[in-house]
Amino acid sequence: MNFQTYKDLARGILASERGPRLLRLDCMNPVKALASMRPVLPARLPRASTRDLESSWRARWALTGAGGRVVMASGVRPLLGRLFASFARGGRPVHAPEDVYPVYLEQAAAAGVRLTTFPTVPAPLLPPLGIGRGAEALLVPEPLVPLGRGLSEAEAAHIARWLDEDDRRVAILDCVYTFGARFTPAAETLLAGGRTVLLHSLAKGFLSPDTAGFAIGPASILATLEHETSDDGRAAAVHVLAQAADLPERLAGELARRWSQLGGAAGIPAPATGYFAVLPIAFDDLLAQGRLAVPGSVFGARGNSWCAVTCLLAGDVAGAADRHD
């Protein structure tokens, strides 16, 4: 089931007689659900250069002078699309998750990348060790979405060993769903190893989509990418990074509070991080229990054995029918 089909289905369910009685676990729009915490931009902002923005972002994430080259755009999507295009030109195949974000697969296909997919639920089935060699890329979200946890020590060590098997290999970590003062230990360790590109944006942790996205990593991988940012985007991003530097931590606290509320009221277990979690229950079964969730197939899962749930509407049993976008 694709996202648009699911949206239509959910709207119909919410408009039905049982809609007002459902526990809503389906909202995937943090900008709307957490609007009261979103940074407010002044009417006028001082101009900011690409150097200003890179400096501000590096300082916020304790990466000043570390991590490699930085390339910036309006978000992660354009950066990943350009990475995929460079991989296609160079004949570099990509391993990517099949049940996280269908846009990954769409962008790879559009770029002409040779793609191998793997599931991440209930745990990421990473490429095996000791099989094959070559200039490959491995794309992984960190934290893992929708699982709601970071890579385990064993999983991070597996990726490091996979990289060590061929010095032409590279890992791509999508760190957009980072809620905290720093990137995860796994992300920082892999980045420091010199063969990882870390992707980030202000879309989730700063509730500022389409403002600025960042890729940091080896110059050899990012050499063909150039900055593509707007004057307004740079100015807004520098302002947000300075004036709302602690927003990811505050959001982590608010999300934990909402998960606690769900746990107390409905017995929904809280994830380690973020606003997504996975329940090993089919969509129709959850719906029969009076709970509206998001089928795993919306994320690309091949079966119907699990659903993603979120805490964003905790306490809002009914809500507006369009708030799950």
C-alpha atoms as a PDB file:
ATOM      1  CA  MET A   1       0.000   0.000   0.000  1.00  0.00           C
ATOM      2  CA  ASN A   2       1.521   3.333  -0.983  1.00  0.00           C
ATOM      3  CA  PHE A   3       1.261   6.447   1.147  1.00  0.00           C
ATOM      4  CA  GLN A   4      -1.489   8.135  -0.870  1.00  0.00           C
ATOM      5  CA  THR A   5      -3.633   5.007  -0.836  1.00  0.00           C
ATOM      6  CA  TYR A   6      -3.172   4.795   2.913  1.00  0.00           C
ATOM      7  CA  LYS A   7      -4.113   8.462   3.389  1.00  0.00           C
ATOM      8  CA  ASP A   8      -7.344   7.901   1.468  1.00  0.00           C
ATOM      9  CA  LEU A   9      -8.086   4.761   3.479  1.00  0.00           C
ATOM     10  CA  ALA A  10      -7.405   6.471   6.805  1.00  0.00           C
ATOM     11  CA  ARG A  11      -9.570   9.461   5.935  1.00  0.00           C
ATOM     12  CA  GLY A  12     -12.433   7.126   5.115  1.00  0.00           C
ATOM     13  CA  ILE A  13     -12.009   5.230   8.371  1.00  0.00           C
ATOM     14  CA  LEU A  14     -11.865   8.446  10.402  1.00  0.00           C
ATOM     15  CA  ALA A  15     -14.995   9.756   8.688  1.00  0.00           C
ATOM     16  CA  SER A  16     -16.926   6.579   9.468  1.00  0.00           C
ATOM     17  CA  GLU A  17     -19.088   5.964  12.522  1.00  0.00           C
ATOM     18  CA  ARG A  18     -16.231   4.367  14.447  1.00  0.00           C
ATOM     19  CA  GLY A  19     -13.755   7.125  13.576  1.00  0.00           C
ATOM     20  CA  PRO A  20     -14.304   9.286  16.682  1.00  0.00           C
ATOM     21  CA  ARG A  21     -13.700   6.286  18.951  1.00  0.00           C
ATOM     22  CA  LEU A  22     -10.344   5.281  17.472  1.00  0.00           C
ATOM     23  CA  LEU A  23      -7.043   5.725  19.254  1.00  0.00           C
ATOM     24  CA  ARG A  24      -4.938   7.618  16.734  1.00  0.00           C
ATOM     25  CA  LEU A  25      -1.446   6.188  16.372  1.00  0.00           C
ATOM     26  CA  ASP A  26      -1.124   7.246  12.749  1.00  0.00           C
ATOM     27  CA  CYS A  27       0.166  10.826  12.693  1.00  0.00           C
ATOM     28  CA  MET A  28       3.433  11.166  10.788  1.00  0.00           C
ATOM     29  CA  ASN A  29       3.618  14.955  10.654  1.00  0.00           C
ATOM     30  CA  PRO A  30       5.725  16.279  13.558  1.00  0.00           C
ATOM     31  CA  VAL A  31       5.729  19.821  12.184  1.00  0.00           C
ATOM     32  CA  LYS A  32       1.949  19.964  12.580  1.00  0.00           C
ATOM     33  CA  ALA A  33       1.648  17.889  15.754  1.00  0.00           C
ATOM     34  CA  LEU A  34       4.434  19.807  17.538  1.00  0.00           C
ATOM     35  CA  ALA A  35       3.692  23.204  16.011  1.00  0.00           C
ATOM     36  CA  SER A  36       3.827  24.997  19.362  1.00  0.00           C
ATOM     37  CA  MET A  37       7.531  24.071  19.630  1.00  0.00           C
ATOM     38  CA  ARG A  38       8.485  25.122  16.105  1.00  0.00           C
ATOM     39  CA  PRO A  39      10.997  27.992  15.886  1.00  0.00           C
ATOM     40  CA  VAL A  40       9.470  31.314  14.892  1.00  0.00           C
ATOM     41  CA  LEU A  41      11.463  33.274  12.339  1.00  0.00           C
ATOM     42  CA  PRO A  42      11.666  37.066  12.564  1.00  0.00           C
ATOM     43  CA  ALA A  43      10.404  39.119   9.664  1.00  0.00           C
ATOM     44  CA  ARG A  44      13.945  40.014   8.670  1.00  0.00           C
ATOM     45  CA  LEU A  45      17.062  37.913   8.969  1.00  0.00           C
ATOM     46  CA  PRO A  46      20.672  38.842   8.302  1.00  0.00           C
ATOM     47  CA  ARG A  47      22.259  37.309   5.235  1.00  0.00           C
ATOM     48  CA  ALA A  48      24.228  34.122   5.745  1.00  0.00           C
ATOM     49  CA  SER A  49      26.882  32.623   3.498  1.00  0.00           C
ATOM     50  CA  THR A  50      27.471  28.921   2.864  1.00  0.00           C
ATOM     51  CA  ARG A  51      30.499  29.219   5.139  1.00  0.00           C
ATOM     52  CA  ASP A  52      28.302  30.688   7.902  1.00  0.00           C
ATOM     53  CA  LEU A  53      25.839  27.822   7.593  1.00  0.00           C
ATOM     54  CA  GLU A  54      28.487  25.112   7.538  1.00  0.00           C
ATOM     55  CA  SER A  55      30.184  26.639  10.575  1.00  0.00           C
ATOM     56  CA  SER A  56      26.897  26.875  12.487  1.00  0.00           C
ATOM     57  CA  TRP A  57      25.933  23.285  11.711  1.00  0.00           C
ATOM     58  CA  ARG A  58      29.356  21.857  12.522  1.00  0.00           C
ATOM     59  CA  ALA A  59      29.437  23.725  15.832  1.00  0.00           C
ATOM     60  CA  ARG A  60      25.967  22.509  16.808  1.00  0.00           C
ATOM     61  CA  TRP A  61      26.962  18.873  16.268  1.00  0.00           C
ATOM     62  CA  ALA A  62      30.502  19.093  17.662  1.00  0.00           C
ATOM     63  CA  LEU A  63      32.018  18.461  14.234  1.00  0.00           C
ATOM     64  CA  THR A  64      34.180  21.562  13.886  1.00  0.00           C
ATOM     65  CA  GLY A  65      37.294  20.486  12.029  1.00  0.00           C
ATOM     66  CA  ALA A  66      36.136  16.861  11.846  1.00  0.00           C
ATOM     67  CA  GLY A  67      34.112  14.530   9.664  1.00  0.00           C
ATOM     68  CA  GLY A  68      35.333  15.543   6.211  1.00  0.00           C
ATOM     69  CA  ARG A  69      33.807  17.729   3.526  1.00  0.00           C
ATOM     70  CA  VAL A  70      30.332  19.262   3.934  1.00  0.00           C
ATOM     71  CA  VAL A  71      27.867  19.748   1.073  1.00  0.00           C
ATOM     72  CA  MET A  72      24.566  21.519   1.664  1.00  0.00           C
ATOM     73  CA  ALA A  73      21.167  21.627  -0.038  1.00  0.00           C
ATOM     74  CA  SER A  74      17.558  22.286   0.941  1.00  0.00           C
ATOM     75  CA  GLY A  75      17.193  18.840   2.513  1.00  0.00           C
ATOM     76  CA  VAL A  76      18.324  15.224   2.497  1.00  0.00           C
ATOM     77  CA  ARG A  77      16.273  14.175  -0.524  1.00  0.00           C
ATOM     78  CA  PRO A  78      18.192  16.296  -3.060  1.00  0.00           C
ATOM     79  CA  LEU A  79      21.505  15.311  -1.498  1.00  0.00           C
ATOM     80  CA  LEU A  80      20.680  11.617  -1.626  1.00  0.00           C
ATOM     81  CA  GLY A  81      19.431  11.932  -5.184  1.00  0.00           C
ATOM     82  CA  ARG A  82      22.719  13.506  -6.231  1.00  0.00           C
ATOM     83  CA  LEU A  83      24.695  10.834  -4.368  1.00  0.00           C
ATOM     84  CA  PHE A  84      22.731   8.123  -6.148  1.00  0.00           C
ATOM     85  CA  ALA A  85      23.398   9.811  -9.494  1.00  0.00           C
ATOM     86  CA  SER A  86      27.133   9.859  -8.786  1.00  0.00           C
ATOM     87  CA  PHE A  87      27.010   6.196  -7.747  1.00  0.00           C
ATOM     88  CA  ALA A  88      25.202   5.289 -10.972  1.00  0.00           C
ATOM     89  CA  ARG A  89      27.820   7.099 -13.053  1.00  0.00           C
ATOM     90  CA  GLY A  90      30.607   5.300 -11.239  1.00  0.00           C
ATOM     91  CA  GLY A  91      28.941   1.890 -11.364  1.00  0.00           C
ATOM     92  CA  ARG A  92      28.690   1.669  -7.570  1.00  0.00           C
ATOM     93  CA  PRO A  93      25.855  -0.655  -6.434  1.00  0.00           C
ATOM     94  CA  VAL A  94      23.840   0.253  -3.339  1.00  0.00           C
ATOM     95  CA  HIS A  95      22.403  -1.812  -0.496  1.00  0.00           C
ATOM     96  CA  ALA A  96      19.328  -0.021   0.906  1.00  0.00           C
ATOM     97  CA  PRO A  97      16.501  -0.821   3.328  1.00  0.00           C
ATOM     98  CA  GLU A  98      13.253  -1.909   1.719  1.00  0.00           C
ATOM     99  CA  ASP A  99      10.925  -1.079   4.636  1.00  0.00           C
ATOM    100  CA  VAL A 100      11.984   2.386   5.807  1.00  0.00           C
ATOM    101  CA  TYR A 101      11.286   5.049   3.207  1.00  0.00           C
ATOM    102  CA  PRO A 102      10.029   4.218  -0.303  1.00  0.00           C
ATOM    103  CA  VAL A 103      11.622   7.428  -1.589  1.00  0.00           C
ATOM    104  CA  TYR A 104      15.014   5.750  -1.120  1.00  0.00           C
ATOM    105  CA  LEU A 105      14.070   3.154  -3.705  1.00  0.00           C
ATOM    106  CA  GLU A 106      12.359   5.641  -5.999  1.00  0.00           C
ATOM    107  CA  GLN A 107      15.404   7.899  -6.066  1.00  0.00           C
ATOM    108  CA  ALA A 108      17.752   4.988  -6.651  1.00  0.00           C
ATOM    109  CA  ALA A 109      15.632   3.743  -9.541  1.00  0.00           C
ATOM    110  CA  ALA A 110      15.440   7.231 -11.053  1.00  0.00           C
ATOM    111  CA  ALA A 111      19.227   7.517 -10.894  1.00  0.00           C
ATOM    112  CA  GLY A 112      19.754   4.103 -12.468  1.00  0.00           C
ATOM    113  CA  VAL A 113      21.551   2.655  -9.455  1.00  0.00           C
ATOM    114  CA  ARG A 114      21.960  -1.109  -9.212  1.00  0.00           C
ATOM    115  CA  LEU A 115      20.081  -1.802  -5.996  1.00  0.00           C
ATOM    116  CA  THR A 116      19.927  -4.617  -3.458  1.00  0.00           C
ATOM    117  CA  THR A 117      17.371  -4.258  -0.666  1.00  0.00           C
ATOM    118  CA  PHE A 118      17.141  -5.688   2.835  1.00  0.00           C
ATOM    119  CA  PRO A 119      14.524  -5.565   5.627  1.00  0.00           C
ATOM    120  CA  THR A 120      15.086  -3.689   8.886  1.00  0.00           C
ATOM    121  CA  VAL A 121      12.056  -4.993  10.809  1.00  0.00           C
ATOM    122  CA  PRO A 122      12.285  -6.720  13.226  1.00  0.00           C
ATOM    123  CA  ALA A 123      16.050  -6.107  12.926  1.00  0.00           C
ATOM    124  CA  PRO A 124      18.220  -4.912  10.032  1.00  0.00           C
ATOM    125  CA  LEU A 125      19.430  -7.760   7.822  1.00  0.00           C
ATOM    126  CA  LEU A 126      22.701  -6.086   6.875  1.00  0.00           C
ATOM    127  CA  PRO A 127      24.821  -7.290   3.934  1.00  0.00           C
ATOM    128  CA  PRO A 128      26.718 -10.426   4.951  1.00  0.00           C
ATOM    129  CA  LEU A 129      30.430 -10.387   5.643  1.00  0.00           C
ATOM    130  CA  GLY A 130      32.942 -12.283   3.582  1.00  0.00           C
ATOM    131  CA  ILE A 131      30.860 -12.304   0.412  1.00  0.00           C
ATOM    132  CA  GLY A 132      31.975 -10.290  -2.589  1.00  0.00           C
ATOM    133  CA  ARG A 133      34.201  -7.284  -2.954  1.00  0.00           C
ATOM    134  CA  GLY A 134      33.901  -4.006  -4.786  1.00  0.00           C
ATOM    135  CA  ALA A 135      32.994  -0.333  -4.625  1.00  0.00           C
ATOM    136  CA  GLU A 136      29.613  -0.724  -2.949  1.00  0.00           C
ATOM    137  CA  ALA A 137      27.506   1.609  -0.810  1.00  0.00           C
ATOM    138  CA  LEU A 138      25.325   0.749   2.184  1.00  0.00           C
ATOM    139  CA  LEU A 139      22.462   3.077   3.119  1.00  0.00           C
ATOM    140  CA  VAL A 140      21.117   2.829   6.681  1.00  0.00           C
ATOM    141  CA  PRO A 141      18.939   5.185   8.757  1.00  0.00           C
ATOM    142  CA  GLU A 142      20.513   6.004  12.115  1.00  0.00           C
ATOM    143  CA  PRO A 143      18.483   6.002  14.305  1.00  0.00           C
ATOM    144  CA  LEU A 144      16.596   3.143  12.685  1.00  0.00           C
ATOM    145  CA  VAL A 145      13.139   4.211  11.511  1.00  0.00           C
ATOM    146  CA  PRO A 146      10.444   3.097  12.123  1.00  0.00           C
ATOM    147  CA  LEU A 147      11.995   0.763  14.716  1.00  0.00           C
ATOM    148  CA  GLY A 148      12.709   3.694  17.019  1.00  0.00           C
ATOM    149  CA  ARG A 149      16.212   2.759  18.144  1.00  0.00           C
ATOM    150  CA  GLY A 150      19.796   3.330  17.210  1.00  0.00           C
ATOM    151  CA  LEU A 151      22.106   0.747  15.732  1.00  0.00           C
ATOM    152  CA  SER A 152      23.263  -1.735  18.351  1.00  0.00           C
ATOM    153  CA  GLU A 153      26.973  -2.104  19.079  1.00  0.00           C
ATOM    154  CA  ALA A 154      26.944  -5.384  17.168  1.00  0.00           C
ATOM    155  CA  GLU A 155      25.199  -3.826  14.155  1.00  0.00           C
ATOM    156  CA  ALA A 156      27.583  -0.861  14.075  1.00  0.00           C
ATOM    157  CA  ALA A 157      30.556  -3.240  14.365  1.00  0.00           C
ATOM    158  CA  HIS A 158      29.124  -5.304  11.485  1.00  0.00           C
ATOM    159  CA  ILE A 159      28.989  -2.204   9.284  1.00  0.00           C
ATOM    160  CA  ALA A 160      32.561  -1.288  10.251  1.00  0.00           C
ATOM    161  CA  ARG A 161      33.794  -4.782   9.368  1.00  0.00           C
ATOM    162  CA  TRP A 162      31.868  -4.671   6.089  1.00  0.00           C
ATOM    163  CA  LEU A 163      33.625  -1.408   5.227  1.00  0.00           C
ATOM    164  CA  ASP A 164      36.995  -2.873   6.191  1.00  0.00           C
ATOM    165  CA  GLU A 165      36.600  -5.736   3.726  1.00  0.00           C
ATOM    166  CA  ASP A 166      37.149  -3.357   0.803  1.00  0.00           C
ATOM    167  CA  ASP A 167      38.471   0.187   1.120  1.00  0.00           C
ATOM    168  CA  ARG A 168      36.294   1.253  -1.821  1.00  0.00           C
ATOM    169  CA  ARG A 169      33.119   0.660   0.155  1.00  0.00           C
ATOM    170  CA  VAL A 170      31.168   3.506   1.749  1.00  0.00           C
ATOM    171  CA  ALA A 171      28.325   3.728   4.273  1.00  0.00           C
ATOM    172  CA  ILE A 172      25.570   6.360   4.038  1.00  0.00           C
ATOM    173  CA  LEU A 173      23.850   7.151   7.347  1.00  0.00           C
ATOM    174  CA  ASP A 174      20.538   9.027   7.196  1.00  0.00           C
ATOM    175  CA  CYS A 175      20.508  10.805  10.563  1.00  0.00           C
ATOM    176  CA  VAL A 176      17.484  13.043  10.003  1.00  0.00           C
ATOM    177  CA  TYR A 177      15.591  11.449  12.919  1.00  0.00           C
ATOM    178  CA  THR A 178      18.216  12.459  15.487  1.00  0.00           C
ATOM    179  CA  PHE A 179      16.664  13.864  18.655  1.00  0.00           C
ATOM    180  CA  GLY A 180      19.436  14.759  21.059  1.00  0.00           C
ATOM    181  CA  ALA A 181      22.504  16.870  21.696  1.00  0.00           C
ATOM    182  CA  ARG A 182      24.762  14.694  19.533  1.00  0.00           C
ATOM    183  CA  PHE A 183      24.490  12.166  16.770  1.00  0.00           C
ATOM    184  CA  THR A 184      24.383   8.608  18.054  1.00  0.00           C
ATOM    185  CA  PRO A 185      27.640   6.967  19.169  1.00  0.00           C
ATOM    186  CA  ALA A 186      27.389   4.578  16.215  1.00  0.00           C
ATOM    187  CA  ALA A 187      27.033   7.472  13.762  1.00  0.00           C
ATOM    188  CA  GLU A 188      29.938   9.423  15.250  1.00  0.00           C
ATOM    189  CA  THR A 189      32.196   6.364  15.328  1.00  0.00           C
ATOM    190  CA  LEU A 190      31.442   5.358  11.749  1.00  0.00           C
ATOM    191  CA  LEU A 191      31.870   8.945  10.526  1.00  0.00           C
ATOM    192  CA  ALA A 192      35.249   9.161  12.246  1.00  0.00           C
ATOM    193  CA  GLY A 193      36.343   6.023  10.383  1.00  0.00           C
ATOM    194  CA  GLY A 194      36.632   8.044   7.187  1.00  0.00           C
ATOM    195  CA  ARG A 195      34.387   5.978   4.898  1.00  0.00           C
ATOM    196  CA  THR A 196      30.945   7.126   5.952  1.00  0.00           C
ATOM    197  CA  VAL A 197      28.744   9.934   4.640  1.00  0.00           C
ATOM    198  CA  LEU A 198      26.346  11.291   7.269  1.00  0.00           C
ATOM    199  CA  LEU A 199      23.151  12.952   6.042  1.00  0.00           C
ATOM    200  CA  HIS A 200      21.169  15.367   8.188  1.00  0.00           C
ATOM    201  CA  SER A 201      18.621  18.153   7.876  1.00  0.00           C
ATOM    202  CA  LEU A 202      16.592  20.509  10.018  1.00  0.00           C
ATOM    203  CA  ALA A 203      13.302  18.840   9.034  1.00  0.00           C
ATOM    204  CA  LYS A 204      12.688  16.680  12.111  1.00  0.00           C
ATOM    205  CA  GLY A 205      14.872  17.703  15.048  1.00  0.00           C
ATOM    206  CA  PHE A 206      14.338  21.393  14.347  1.00  0.00           C
ATOM    207  CA  LEU A 207      10.823  21.174  12.812  1.00  0.00           C
ATOM    208  CA  SER A 208      12.063  23.201   9.839  1.00  0.00           C
ATOM    209  CA  PRO A 209      11.586  21.222   6.604  1.00  0.00           C
ATOM    210  CA  ASP A 210      12.960  22.417   3.267  1.00  0.00           C
ATOM    211  CA  THR A 211      15.367  24.758   5.036  1.00  0.00           C
ATOM    212  CA  ALA A 212      18.769  23.079   4.954  1.00  0.00           C
ATOM    213  CA  GLY A 213      20.245  19.622   4.475  1.00  0.00           C
ATOM    214  CA  PHE A 214      23.814  18.495   5.057  1.00  0.00           C
ATOM    215  CA  ALA A 215      26.098  15.732   3.833  1.00  0.00           C
ATOM    216  CA  ILE A 216      29.430  15.279   5.588  1.00  0.00           C
ATOM    217  CA  GLY A 217      32.010  12.674   4.738  1.00  0.00           C
ATOM    218  CA  PRO A 218      34.973  11.749   2.541  1.00  0.00           C
ATOM    219  CA  ALA A 219      35.879  14.342  -0.079  1.00  0.00           C
ATOM    220  CA  SER A 220      36.415  11.495  -2.544  1.00  0.00           C
ATOM    221  CA  ILE A 221      32.717  10.599  -2.323  1.00  0.00           C
ATOM    222  CA  LEU A 222      31.340  14.138  -2.146  1.00  0.00           C
ATOM    223  CA  ALA A 223      33.740  15.682  -4.669  1.00  0.00           C
ATOM    224  CA  THR A 224      31.200  15.963  -7.484  1.00  0.00           C
ATOM    225  CA  LEU A 225      28.470  17.526  -5.314  1.00  0.00           C
ATOM    226  CA  GLU A 226      28.089  21.284  -4.989  1.00  0.00           C
ATOM    227  CA  HIS A 227      26.132  23.443  -2.573  1.00  0.00           C
ATOM    228  CA  GLU A 228      22.531  24.159  -3.630  1.00  0.00           C
ATOM    229  CA  THR A 229      21.045  26.438  -0.995  1.00  0.00           C
ATOM    230  CA  SER A 230      18.933  29.571  -1.196  1.00  0.00           C
ATOM    231  CA  ASP A 231      19.592  32.906   0.500  1.00  0.00           C
ATOM    232  CA  ASP A 232      16.417  32.544   2.577  1.00  0.00           C
ATOM    233  CA  GLY A 233      17.180  28.947   3.487  1.00  0.00           C
ATOM    234  CA  ARG A 234      20.693  29.754   4.688  1.00  0.00           C
ATOM    235  CA  ALA A 235      19.520  32.718   6.741  1.00  0.00           C
ATOM    236  CA  ALA A 236      16.709  30.725   8.348  1.00  0.00           C
ATOM    237  CA  ALA A 237      18.939  27.741   9.076  1.00  0.00           C
ATOM    238  CA  VAL A 238      21.651  29.807  10.746  1.00  0.00           C
ATOM    239  CA  HIS A 239      19.012  31.523  12.871  1.00  0.00           C
ATOM    240  CA  VAL A 240      17.396  28.233  13.928  1.00  0.00           C
ATOM    241  CA  LEU A 241      20.722  26.594  14.750  1.00  0.00           C
ATOM    242  CA  ALA A 242      21.660  29.555  16.948  1.00  0.00           C
ATOM    243  CA  GLN A 243      18.351  30.407  18.601  1.00  0.00           C
ATOM    244  CA  ALA A 244      16.884  26.896  18.937  1.00  0.00           C
ATOM    245  CA  ALA A 245      20.061  24.890  19.393  1.00  0.00           C
ATOM    246  CA  ASP A 246      18.533  22.768  22.151  1.00  0.00           C
ATOM    247  CA  LEU A 247      15.316  21.981  20.270  1.00  0.00           C
ATOM    248  CA  PRO A 248      16.253  18.363  19.469  1.00  0.00           C
ATOM    249  CA  GLU A 249      16.740  17.687  23.185  1.00  0.00           C
ATOM    250  CA  ARG A 250      13.488  19.436  24.087  1.00  0.00           C
ATOM    251  CA  LEU A 251      11.659  17.438  21.431  1.00  0.00           C
ATOM    252  CA  ALA A 252      13.135  14.241  22.841  1.00  0.00           C
ATOM    253  CA  GLY A 253      11.677  15.147  26.218  1.00  0.00           C
ATOM    254  CA  GLU A 254       8.275  15.964  24.764  1.00  0.00           C
ATOM    255  CA  LEU A 255       8.174  12.747  22.728  1.00  0.00           C
ATOM    256  CA  ALA A 256       9.108  10.743  25.821  1.00  0.00           C
ATOM    257  CA  ARG A 257       6.252  12.419  27.676  1.00  0.00           C
ATOM    258  CA  ARG A 258       3.789  11.510  24.921  1.00  0.00           C
ATOM    259  CA  TRP A 259       5.002   7.909  24.801  1.00  0.00           C
ATOM    260  CA  SER A 260       4.587   7.713  28.569  1.00  0.00           C
ATOM    261  CA  GLN A 261       1.040   8.977  28.193  1.00  0.00           C
ATOM    262  CA  LEU A 262       0.305   6.335  25.567  1.00  0.00           C
ATOM    263  CA  GLY A 263       1.887   3.646  27.709  1.00  0.00           C
ATOM    264  CA  GLY A 264      -0.233   4.565  30.692  1.00  0.00           C
ATOM    265  CA  ALA A 265      -3.479   4.909  28.758  1.00  0.00           C
ATOM    266  CA  ALA A 266      -3.158   2.156  26.161  1.00  0.00           C
ATOM    267  CA  GLY A 267      -0.161  -0.006  27.033  1.00  0.00           C
ATOM    268  CA  ILE A 268       1.805   1.046  23.936  1.00  0.00           C
ATOM    269  CA  PRO A 269       5.521   0.386  24.579  1.00  0.00           C
ATOM    270  CA  ALA A 270       7.853   3.340  24.091  1.00  0.00           C
ATOM    271  CA  PRO A 271      10.794   3.145  21.664  1.00  0.00           C
ATOM    272  CA  ALA A 272      14.307   4.189  22.619  1.00  0.00           C
ATOM    273  CA  THR A 273      14.097   7.370  20.541  1.00  0.00           C
ATOM    274  CA  GLY A 274      11.869   9.361  18.207  1.00  0.00           C
ATOM    275  CA  TYR A 275       8.160   9.294  17.535  1.00  0.00           C
ATOM    276  CA  PHE A 276       7.921   5.988  15.641  1.00  0.00           C
ATOM    277  CA  ALA A 277       7.693   2.460  17.037  1.00  0.00           C
ATOM    278  CA  VAL A 278       6.764  -0.901  15.550  1.00  0.00           C
ATOM    279  CA  LEU A 279       4.057  -3.280  16.757  1.00  0.00           C
ATOM    280  CA  PRO A 280       4.142  -6.857  15.394  1.00  0.00           C
ATOM    281  CA  ILE A 281       0.410  -6.770  14.687  1.00  0.00           C
ATOM    282  CA  ALA A 282      -1.382  -6.512  11.348  1.00  0.00           C
ATOM    283  CA  PHE A 283      -3.231  -3.303  10.476  1.00  0.00           C
ATOM    284  CA  ASP A 284      -6.695  -4.886  10.438  1.00  0.00           C
ATOM    285  CA  ASP A 285      -6.100  -6.559  13.798  1.00  0.00           C
ATOM    286  CA  LEU A 286      -5.088  -3.261  15.384  1.00  0.00           C
ATOM    287  CA  LEU A 287      -8.075  -1.561  13.810  1.00  0.00           C
ATOM    288  CA  ALA A 288     -10.343  -4.206  15.300  1.00  0.00           C
ATOM    289  CA  GLN A 289      -8.865  -3.250  18.684  1.00  0.00           C
ATOM    290  CA  GLY A 290      -9.869   0.375  18.074  1.00  0.00           C
ATOM    291  CA  ARG A 291      -6.396   1.583  17.095  1.00  0.00           C
ATOM    292  CA  LEU A 292      -5.513   3.315  13.846  1.00  0.00           C
ATOM    293  CA  ALA A 293      -1.879   2.662  12.912  1.00  0.00           C
ATOM    294  CA  VAL A 294       0.207   2.711   9.724  1.00  0.00           C
ATOM    295  CA  PRO A 295       0.646  -0.597   7.855  1.00  0.00           C
ATOM    296  CA  GLY A 296       4.220  -1.712   7.323  1.00  0.00           C
ATOM    297  CA  SER A 297       3.495  -1.838   3.602  1.00  0.00           C
ATOM    298  CA  VAL A 298       3.357   1.974   3.580  1.00  0.00           C
ATOM    299  CA  PHE A 299       7.057   1.869   4.444  1.00  0.00           C
ATOM    300  CA  GLY A 300       7.703  -0.788   1.819  1.00  0.00           C
ATOM    301  CA  ALA A 301       7.385  -3.984   3.859  1.00  0.00           C
ATOM    302  CA  ARG A 302       6.452  -7.000   1.773  1.00  0.00           C
ATOM    303  CA  GLY A 303       4.044  -8.560   4.260  1.00  0.00           C
ATOM    304  CA  ASN A 304       1.352  -7.321   6.601  1.00  0.00           C
ATOM    305  CA  SER A 305       2.771  -8.633   9.863  1.00  0.00           C
ATOM    306  CA  TRP A 306       3.573  -5.294  11.486  1.00  0.00           C
ATOM    307  CA  CYS A 307       2.474  -1.690  11.811  1.00  0.00           C
ATOM    308  CA  ALA A 308       4.221   1.528  12.671  1.00  0.00           C
ATOM    309  CA  VAL A 309       2.693   3.608  15.443  1.00  0.00           C
ATOM    310  CA  THR A 310       3.515   7.123  16.595  1.00  0.00           C
ATOM    311  CA  CYS A 311       3.022   9.137  19.761  1.00  0.00           C
ATOM    312  CA  LEU A 312       2.357  12.443  18.040  1.00  0.00           C
ATOM    313  CA  LEU A 313      -1.357  12.541  18.800  1.00  0.00           C
ATOM    314  CA  ALA A 314      -1.118  11.138  22.316  1.00  0.00           C
ATOM    315  CA  GLY A 315      -4.206  12.253  24.184  1.00  0.00           C
ATOM    316  CA  ASP A 316      -6.077  13.092  20.962  1.00  0.00           C
ATOM    317  CA  VAL A 317      -8.373  10.127  20.356  1.00  0.00           C
ATOM    318  CA  ALA A 318     -10.343  11.703  17.534  1.00  0.00           C
ATOM    319  CA  GLY A 319      -8.523  14.684  16.038  1.00  0.00           C
ATOM    320  CA  ALA A 320      -8.934  16.066  12.560  1.00  0.00           C
ATOM    321  CA  ALA A 321      -9.036  13.619   9.679  1.00  0.00           C
ATOM    322  CA  ASP A 322      -6.107  15.253   7.892  1.00  0.00           C
ATOM    323  CA  ARG A 323      -3.656  15.281  10.787  1.00  0.00           C
ATOM    324  CA  HIS A 324      -2.008  11.968   9.961  1.00  0.00           C
ATOM    325  CA  ASP A 325      -0.167  13.223   6.841  1.00  0.00           C
END
